[in-house]
Amino acid sequence: MNKPTLPVLGDAALLRRVAHVWIALAGAFCLFDLWRKTSVGLTGGDGRPIGDDFVNYFSGAYLALHQRAAEIYHWPAYHAFQEALVGAAVSPNYNYSYPPLALVLTLPFAVIPYVPALGVWLAGGWYAFYRALRLATPNALLLALAAPAVFVNTYCGQNGVWTAAFLGGGLCLLPRRPVIAGVLFGLQAYKPHLALMIPVALMAGRQWRAFVAAAVTVAVLLALSLALAGWDSWRAFLDLAPLLRKVTLEDADAVWHRNVSVFMAASRLGLGLSAAYAAQMAAALLAAALVAYAWFKDAPAPARNAAVLIGVLLATPYLQDYDLVLGAFVVVWLAALDSEWKPTTQIACASILLLPLLASPLAKLTGLAFGPLFILPALFLTAQAILTPRAAAAAARA
């Protein structure tokens, strides 16, 4: 089976020039920001360290490696370590909000100094994403560089490229390398709220080898996390979880504008927490039903794969703009469903790609969260391809 290629959208040469200019500007901005964050210690004097959120991944892994795991979920000690690490004051907003499984995956970065580790984190994560995207399309390089979510991820020092590599790469490898695919899915346990649709797809699609491989991978990560950080770290994380839910979702004054989930959209409409959680649950159930149907009925691979990732975007209440790197895979699979590259497909793909750039400014401007509206066109096209495959095929040929 040939890999899908991205069809032409308007003037291909013009789009390539725009993409090249964007890559140059985004890259220059990221380099400038890295340089700026060395003016006061390893910060910009504003409490933001070089590498931004990477300081959390490095700090947690370093403390675990040096038998100081008790400090990871103890905010005063953790904060003191970060300030000593960068040699300047650090914003109190930085905290370790991941399960101890993540300590195992980030441990290799803690054996080298902080700044080189940041370089390995950014370059290695992007390369893993690029290699995974190449499994979906041979035209991966330009998209992997130009996708706006990649810029947001790099600027924030975040893990969206790793998530995209694990989920997108796993879906691409599943037909011919189910065990490796399962391992990639299992690695996503470091952010389990972004893997909610994976077990649904694997069980509905009767992908038992991948399912078992994923379960074994999670079990191994759990055992390694216990050996590295002990039961006390898990107890500390579970004790902290209600507070994390409160500050990241329910009272998220500092970060709400970057959350593009259904929960945040409903919450900002003033519906109240109960209604917001109900809306989120309804969206998750709808997504799960579509994914289960697509995989049980063995829908075309682009449709069922897109359903999984779109389901991920709809199912979790905590979805940040940097998590949308996986939208690049959605774009490739939507294009594969429509060889004519119709306006509806163009709109759906553009919405997914532009969401990381537009959601936060729109939220700040209006006080509302518009994230799900950007996802709906892709959901509609994917559902059409799954539920009415003949009509979708006829529409693509018209």
Protein backbone atom coordinates (compact mmCIF):
# COMPACT_ATOMS: atom_id res chain seq x y z
CA MET A 1 0.00 0.00 0.00
CA ASN A 2 1.41 3.38 -1.02
CA LYS A 3 1.79 6.11 1.54
CA PRO A 4 -0.67 8.98 1.11
CA THR A 5 0.71 12.22 -0.22
CA LEU A 6 -0.61 15.68 0.43
CA PRO A 7 -2.56 16.98 -2.57
CA VAL A 8 -2.04 20.43 -4.01
CA LEU A 9 -3.83 23.28 -2.26
CA GLY A 10 -4.04 26.34 -4.50
CA ASP A 11 -0.65 27.59 -5.66
CA ALA A 12 1.73 24.95 -4.35
CA ALA A 13 4.83 27.08 -5.02
CA LEU A 14 3.33 30.01 -3.10
CA LEU A 15 2.41 27.79 -0.18
CA ARG A 16 5.92 26.38 -0.06
CA ARG A 17 7.35 29.91 0.02
CA VAL A 18 4.98 30.87 2.83
CA ALA A 19 5.97 27.74 4.73
CA HIS A 20 9.67 28.48 4.26
CA VAL A 21 9.24 32.06 5.49
CA TRP A 22 7.24 30.85 8.49
CA ILE A 23 9.90 28.24 9.35
CA ALA A 24 12.63 30.88 9.17
CA LEU A 25 10.71 33.38 11.32
CA ALA A 26 9.61 30.78 13.87
CA GLY A 27 13.10 29.34 14.10
CA ALA A 28 14.67 32.77 14.53
CA PHE A 29 12.16 33.65 17.24
CA CYS A 30 12.86 30.43 19.15
CA LEU A 31 16.62 31.02 18.97
CA PHE A 32 16.17 34.61 20.14
CA ASP A 33 13.98 33.45 23.01
CA LEU A 34 16.59 30.90 24.08
CA TRP A 35 19.28 33.59 24.02
CA ARG A 36 17.06 36.05 25.89
CA LYS A 37 16.59 33.55 28.69
CA THR A 38 20.26 33.74 29.65
CA SER A 39 20.16 37.37 30.77
CA VAL A 40 19.63 36.58 34.47
CA GLY A 41 21.15 33.21 35.23
CA LEU A 42 19.37 30.82 32.90
CA THR A 43 16.22 32.95 32.81
CA GLY A 44 14.98 36.08 31.10
CA GLY A 45 14.56 37.81 34.45
CA ASP A 46 10.82 37.16 34.31
CA GLY A 47 10.77 33.83 36.12
CA ARG A 48 10.79 31.77 32.92
CA PRO A 49 13.89 29.57 32.57
CA ILE A 50 15.57 28.67 29.33
CA GLY A 51 13.64 25.73 27.92
CA ASP A 52 10.53 26.82 29.83
CA ASP A 53 8.56 23.66 30.75
CA PHE A 54 11.55 21.42 30.10
CA VAL A 55 12.79 22.54 33.50
CA ASN A 56 10.09 20.29 34.99
CA TYR A 57 11.09 17.17 33.06
CA PHE A 58 14.77 17.68 33.83
CA SER A 59 14.19 18.53 37.49
CA GLY A 60 12.02 15.50 38.18
CA ALA A 61 14.40 13.09 36.47
CA TYR A 62 17.48 14.63 38.11
CA LEU A 63 15.99 14.45 41.59
CA ALA A 64 14.93 10.83 41.05
CA LEU A 65 18.36 9.91 39.70
CA HIS A 66 20.05 11.40 42.78
CA GLN A 67 17.80 9.67 45.33
CA ARG A 68 15.84 12.85 46.04
CA ALA A 69 12.50 11.65 44.73
CA ALA A 70 10.71 12.91 47.86
CA GLU A 71 11.31 16.48 46.62
CA ILE A 72 9.56 16.02 43.28
CA TYR A 73 5.98 16.37 44.54
CA HIS A 74 6.93 18.55 47.51
CA TRP A 75 6.56 22.00 45.99
CA PRO A 76 8.86 24.10 48.26
CA ALA A 77 11.79 21.70 47.87
CA TYR A 78 11.11 21.22 44.15
CA HIS A 79 10.91 24.98 43.58
CA ALA A 80 14.13 25.55 45.52
CA PHE A 81 15.91 22.99 43.35
CA GLN A 82 14.76 24.67 40.15
CA GLU A 83 15.96 28.07 41.30
CA ALA A 84 19.34 26.58 42.21
CA LEU A 85 19.44 24.85 38.82
CA VAL A 86 18.95 28.03 36.76
CA GLY A 87 20.59 30.43 39.18
CA ALA A 88 17.69 32.86 39.37
CA ALA A 89 14.11 33.26 40.57
CA VAL A 90 11.62 30.92 38.89
CA SER A 91 7.88 31.42 38.57
CA PRO A 92 5.84 29.42 41.10
CA ASN A 93 3.73 28.04 38.23
CA TYR A 94 6.28 25.31 37.45
CA ASN A 95 5.39 21.99 39.07
CA TYR A 96 5.72 18.29 38.36
CA SER A 97 2.25 17.25 37.24
CA TYR A 98 3.13 13.87 35.71
CA PRO A 99 2.92 10.36 37.16
CA PRO A 100 6.22 8.78 38.19
CA LEU A 101 6.17 6.79 34.94
CA ALA A 102 7.42 9.96 33.24
CA LEU A 103 10.55 9.93 35.41
CA VAL A 104 11.66 6.72 33.72
CA LEU A 105 11.28 8.13 30.21
CA THR A 106 13.06 11.40 30.98
CA LEU A 107 15.84 9.85 33.03
CA PRO A 108 18.38 9.84 30.14
CA PHE A 109 18.19 13.63 29.93
CA ALA A 110 19.25 13.98 33.56
CA VAL A 111 22.66 12.37 33.03
CA ILE A 112 23.89 15.38 31.03
CA PRO A 113 23.93 19.07 32.02
CA TYR A 114 20.73 21.06 31.74
CA VAL A 115 21.40 23.16 28.62
CA PRO A 116 22.74 20.28 26.47
CA ALA A 117 19.86 18.15 27.74
CA LEU A 118 17.45 20.81 26.49
CA GLY A 119 19.04 20.63 23.05
CA VAL A 120 18.70 16.84 22.97
CA TRP A 121 15.10 17.11 24.18
CA LEU A 122 14.07 19.54 21.43
CA ALA A 123 16.06 18.03 18.57
CA GLY A 124 15.39 14.41 19.55
CA GLY A 125 11.68 15.00 20.02
CA TRP A 126 11.32 16.73 16.66
CA TYR A 127 13.27 13.99 14.89
CA ALA A 128 11.14 11.27 16.47
CA PHE A 129 8.02 13.12 15.29
CA TYR A 130 9.45 13.58 11.79
CA ARG A 131 10.37 9.92 11.46
CA ALA A 132 6.89 8.90 12.60
CA LEU A 133 5.26 11.33 10.16
CA ARG A 134 7.32 9.85 7.34
CA LEU A 135 5.55 6.58 7.99
CA ALA A 136 2.32 8.36 7.06
CA THR A 137 3.53 10.40 4.08
CA PRO A 138 6.76 10.78 2.09
CA ASN A 139 6.19 14.56 2.11
CA ALA A 140 6.85 14.79 5.82
CA LEU A 141 9.75 17.21 6.13
CA LEU A 142 8.04 20.49 5.25
CA LEU A 143 4.94 19.65 7.30
CA ALA A 144 7.03 18.52 10.26
CA LEU A 145 8.90 21.83 10.24
CA ALA A 146 6.05 24.19 9.37
CA ALA A 147 3.19 22.86 11.52
CA PRO A 148 2.44 25.74 13.91
CA ALA A 149 2.07 23.36 16.85
CA VAL A 150 5.74 22.42 16.43
CA PHE A 151 6.67 26.07 16.96
CA VAL A 152 4.45 26.30 20.05
CA ASN A 153 5.92 23.06 21.37
CA THR A 154 9.51 24.24 20.82
CA TYR A 155 8.90 27.65 22.35
CA CYS A 156 7.41 26.03 25.46
CA GLY A 157 9.96 23.21 25.73
CA GLN A 158 7.05 20.80 25.78
CA ASN A 159 6.42 17.16 24.89
CA GLY A 160 3.86 17.42 22.08
CA VAL A 161 6.32 16.08 19.50
CA TRP A 162 6.92 13.00 21.64
CA THR A 163 3.19 12.39 22.02
CA ALA A 164 2.72 12.73 18.26
CA ALA A 165 5.58 10.29 17.63
CA PHE A 166 4.15 7.71 20.03
CA LEU A 167 0.52 7.90 18.91
CA GLY A 168 0.97 8.70 15.21
CA GLY A 169 3.91 6.34 14.80
CA GLY A 170 2.07 3.57 16.61
CA LEU A 171 -0.99 3.89 14.36
CA CYS A 172 1.20 3.82 11.25
CA LEU A 173 3.12 0.74 12.39
CA LEU A 174 0.13 -1.18 13.71
CA PRO A 175 -0.71 -3.18 10.53
CA ARG A 176 2.80 -4.57 10.00
CA ARG A 177 4.60 -4.13 13.35
CA PRO A 178 1.87 -4.56 15.99
CA VAL A 179 4.26 -5.27 18.87
CA ILE A 180 6.35 -2.15 18.21
CA ALA A 181 3.12 -0.18 17.80
CA GLY A 182 1.96 -1.49 21.17
CA VAL A 183 5.20 -0.43 22.80
CA LEU A 184 4.78 3.10 21.42
CA PHE A 185 1.22 3.22 22.70
CA GLY A 186 2.41 2.03 26.10
CA LEU A 187 5.01 4.80 26.29
CA GLN A 188 2.18 7.32 26.06
CA ALA A 189 1.22 6.30 29.60
CA TYR A 190 3.36 9.21 30.75
CA LYS A 191 0.33 11.35 29.74
CA PRO A 192 -2.51 8.84 29.95
CA HIS A 193 -5.25 11.40 29.31
CA LEU A 194 -4.00 11.59 25.71
CA ALA A 195 -4.20 7.83 25.21
CA LEU A 196 -7.87 7.31 26.08
CA MET A 197 -8.85 6.19 22.57
CA ILE A 198 -6.00 3.70 22.14
CA PRO A 199 -7.53 0.80 24.13
CA VAL A 200 -10.90 1.48 22.48
CA ALA A 201 -9.35 1.16 19.02
CA LEU A 202 -7.22 -1.88 19.83
CA MET A 203 -10.07 -3.82 21.42
CA ALA A 204 -12.63 -2.91 18.76
CA GLY A 205 -10.12 -3.71 16.03
CA ARG A 206 -9.12 -6.98 17.71
CA GLN A 207 -5.48 -5.90 17.73
CA TRP A 208 -4.57 -8.17 20.62
CA ARG A 209 -0.82 -8.35 20.02
CA ALA A 210 -0.55 -4.60 20.17
CA PHE A 211 -2.87 -4.47 23.18
CA VAL A 212 -0.74 -6.94 25.12
CA ALA A 213 2.48 -5.17 24.09
CA ALA A 214 1.06 -1.87 25.31
CA ALA A 215 -0.03 -3.41 28.62
CA VAL A 216 3.37 -5.03 29.15
CA THR A 217 5.11 -1.74 28.35
CA VAL A 218 3.02 0.09 30.95
CA ALA A 219 3.74 -2.66 33.49
CA VAL A 220 7.49 -2.39 32.84
CA LEU A 221 7.35 1.40 33.19
CA LEU A 222 5.45 1.00 36.44
CA ALA A 223 8.02 -1.44 37.82
CA LEU A 224 10.90 0.81 36.78
CA SER A 225 9.22 3.84 38.33
CA LEU A 226 8.88 1.97 41.62
CA ALA A 227 12.53 0.97 41.49
CA LEU A 228 13.56 4.54 40.69
CA ALA A 229 11.29 6.59 42.93
CA GLY A 230 9.50 4.15 45.22
CA TRP A 231 5.90 3.81 46.40
CA ASP A 232 6.10 7.09 48.23
CA SER A 233 6.33 9.00 44.95
CA TRP A 234 3.18 7.34 43.68
CA ARG A 235 1.39 8.14 46.93
CA ALA A 236 2.59 11.74 46.73
CA PHE A 237 1.39 12.03 43.13
CA LEU A 238 -2.03 10.58 43.93
CA ASP A 239 -2.35 12.89 46.92
CA LEU A 240 -1.48 15.85 44.71
CA ALA A 241 -3.82 14.86 41.85
CA PRO A 242 -6.95 16.64 43.22
CA LEU A 243 -5.00 19.87 43.62
CA LEU A 244 -3.57 19.53 40.11
CA ARG A 245 -7.08 19.04 38.74
CA LYS A 246 -8.21 22.17 40.52
CA VAL A 247 -5.37 24.45 39.38
CA THR A 248 -5.20 23.14 35.81
CA LEU A 249 -8.91 22.78 35.09
CA GLU A 250 -11.32 24.21 37.61
CA ASP A 251 -9.41 27.33 38.73
CA ALA A 252 -6.98 27.57 35.83
CA ASP A 253 -6.58 31.35 35.85
CA ALA A 254 -3.01 31.25 34.54
CA VAL A 255 -3.35 28.63 31.79
CA TRP A 256 -7.01 28.35 30.78
CA HIS A 257 -6.53 30.24 27.49
CA ARG A 258 -4.24 27.51 26.19
CA ASN A 259 -6.61 24.67 27.03
CA VAL A 260 -8.59 23.82 23.88
CA SER A 261 -10.77 21.05 25.33
CA VAL A 262 -14.54 20.68 25.36
CA PHE A 263 -14.45 21.06 29.14
CA MET A 264 -12.78 24.46 28.94
CA ALA A 265 -15.11 25.65 26.17
CA ALA A 266 -18.15 24.72 28.26
CA SER A 267 -16.66 26.15 31.43
CA ARG A 268 -15.92 29.53 29.84
CA LEU A 269 -19.53 29.75 28.71
CA GLY A 270 -20.44 29.92 32.38
CA LEU A 271 -22.25 26.59 32.49
CA GLY A 272 -20.73 25.57 35.81
CA LEU A 273 -18.36 22.73 36.65
CA SER A 274 -20.99 19.97 36.64
CA ALA A 275 -22.27 20.94 33.21
CA ALA A 276 -18.73 21.35 31.87
CA TYR A 277 -17.78 17.88 33.06
CA ALA A 278 -21.03 16.50 31.60
CA ALA A 279 -20.25 18.09 28.23
CA GLN A 280 -16.77 16.63 28.34
CA MET A 281 -18.10 13.20 29.17
CA ALA A 282 -20.60 13.39 26.30
CA ALA A 283 -17.83 14.37 23.87
CA ALA A 284 -15.64 11.51 25.10
CA LEU A 285 -18.43 8.96 24.71
CA LEU A 286 -19.23 10.23 21.22
CA ALA A 287 -15.57 9.99 20.24
CA ALA A 288 -15.25 6.50 21.72
CA ALA A 289 -18.35 5.32 19.86
CA LEU A 290 -17.00 6.59 16.55
CA VAL A 291 -13.57 5.04 17.14
CA ALA A 292 -15.07 1.71 18.20
CA TYR A 293 -17.35 1.60 15.17
CA ALA A 294 -14.54 2.53 12.76
CA TRP A 295 -12.19 -0.15 14.07
CA PHE A 296 -14.83 -2.84 14.51
CA LYS A 297 -16.07 -2.33 10.94
CA ASP A 298 -12.49 -2.07 9.62
CA ALA A 299 -13.01 1.34 8.01
CA PRO A 300 -10.28 2.56 5.64
CA ALA A 301 -7.03 3.06 7.53
CA PRO A 302 -6.89 6.87 7.10
CA ALA A 303 -10.42 7.20 8.48
CA ARG A 304 -9.98 4.95 11.49
CA ASN A 305 -6.56 6.43 12.31
CA ALA A 306 -7.88 9.98 12.05
CA ALA A 307 -10.81 8.98 14.26
CA VAL A 308 -8.40 7.89 17.02
CA LEU A 309 -6.48 11.16 17.08
CA ILE A 310 -9.57 13.34 16.72
CA GLY A 311 -11.09 11.25 19.50
CA VAL A 312 -8.03 12.03 21.63
CA LEU A 313 -8.60 15.74 21.06
CA LEU A 314 -12.25 15.49 22.06
CA ALA A 315 -12.00 13.03 24.96
CA THR A 316 -9.61 14.74 27.36
CA PRO A 317 -10.54 17.72 29.54
CA TYR A 318 -6.92 18.88 29.58
CA LEU A 319 -5.69 19.57 26.05
CA GLN A 320 -3.00 22.21 25.59
CA ASP A 321 -2.06 23.92 22.34
CA TYR A 322 1.35 22.19 22.25
CA ASP A 323 -0.40 18.78 22.32
CA LEU A 324 -1.77 19.52 18.84
CA VAL A 325 1.42 18.44 17.06
CA LEU A 326 -0.44 15.19 16.42
CA GLY A 327 -2.78 17.23 14.20
CA ALA A 328 -0.20 16.85 11.42
CA PHE A 329 -1.15 13.19 11.18
CA VAL A 330 -4.84 14.12 11.02
CA VAL A 331 -4.09 16.42 8.08
CA VAL A 332 -2.29 13.65 6.20
CA TRP A 333 -5.11 11.18 6.76
CA LEU A 334 -7.84 13.64 5.86
CA ALA A 335 -5.98 14.37 2.63
CA ALA A 336 -5.78 10.65 1.91
CA LEU A 337 -9.59 10.45 2.19
CA ASP A 338 -10.09 13.21 -0.42
CA SER A 339 -7.82 13.00 -3.44
CA GLU A 340 -9.56 16.05 -4.94
CA TRP A 341 -8.65 18.23 -1.93
CA LYS A 342 -12.10 19.80 -1.76
CA PRO A 343 -12.78 23.08 0.11
CA THR A 344 -14.30 21.18 3.03
CA THR A 345 -11.10 19.20 3.43
CA GLN A 346 -9.01 22.34 3.08
CA ILE A 347 -11.01 24.02 5.84
CA ALA A 348 -10.74 21.01 8.14
CA CYS A 349 -7.00 20.71 7.66
CA ALA A 350 -6.39 24.44 8.01
CA SER A 351 -8.46 24.51 11.21
CA ILE A 352 -6.44 21.72 12.80
CA LEU A 353 -3.13 23.30 11.80
CA LEU A 354 -4.02 26.86 12.83
CA LEU A 355 -5.69 26.00 16.13
CA PRO A 356 -2.43 26.20 18.16
CA LEU A 357 -1.77 29.72 16.86
CA LEU A 358 -5.29 31.13 17.08
CA ALA A 359 -6.85 29.55 20.15
CA SER A 360 -4.89 31.40 22.82
CA PRO A 361 -5.16 34.92 21.28
CA LEU A 362 -8.89 34.42 20.63
CA ALA A 363 -9.40 33.23 24.18
CA LYS A 364 -7.61 36.24 25.65
CA LEU A 365 -9.53 38.60 23.37
CA THR A 366 -13.00 37.21 24.03
CA GLY A 367 -12.78 35.36 27.33
CA LEU A 368 -14.14 32.26 25.59
CA ALA A 369 -12.48 29.01 24.54
CA PHE A 370 -13.04 28.11 20.88
CA GLY A 371 -10.85 25.01 20.62
CA PRO A 372 -13.54 22.40 19.83
CA LEU A 373 -14.92 24.53 16.98
CA PHE A 374 -11.59 24.13 15.17
CA ILE A 375 -11.80 20.35 15.54
CA LEU A 376 -15.40 19.88 14.38
CA PRO A 377 -14.73 20.07 10.59
CA ALA A 378 -12.20 17.24 10.83
CA LEU A 379 -14.62 15.26 12.99
CA PHE A 380 -17.40 15.72 10.44
CA LEU A 381 -15.30 14.56 7.49
CA THR A 382 -13.92 11.59 9.38
CA ALA A 383 -17.36 10.54 10.56
CA GLN A 384 -18.67 10.86 7.01
CA ALA A 385 -15.92 8.61 5.70
CA ILE A 386 -16.64 6.02 8.42
CA LEU A 387 -20.43 6.06 8.55
CA THR A 388 -21.21 6.66 4.88
CA PRO A 389 -18.13 5.43 3.01
CA ARG A 390 -19.88 5.26 -0.38
CA ALA A 391 -21.22 8.81 -0.09
CA ALA A 392 -17.84 10.05 1.05
CA ALA A 393 -16.11 8.32 -1.87
CA ALA A 394 -18.64 9.73 -4.33
CA ALA A 395 -18.20 13.21 -2.88
CA ALA A 396 -14.45 12.91 -3.24
CA ARG A 397 -14.81 12.01 -6.93
CA ALA A 398 -17.37 14.74 -7.72
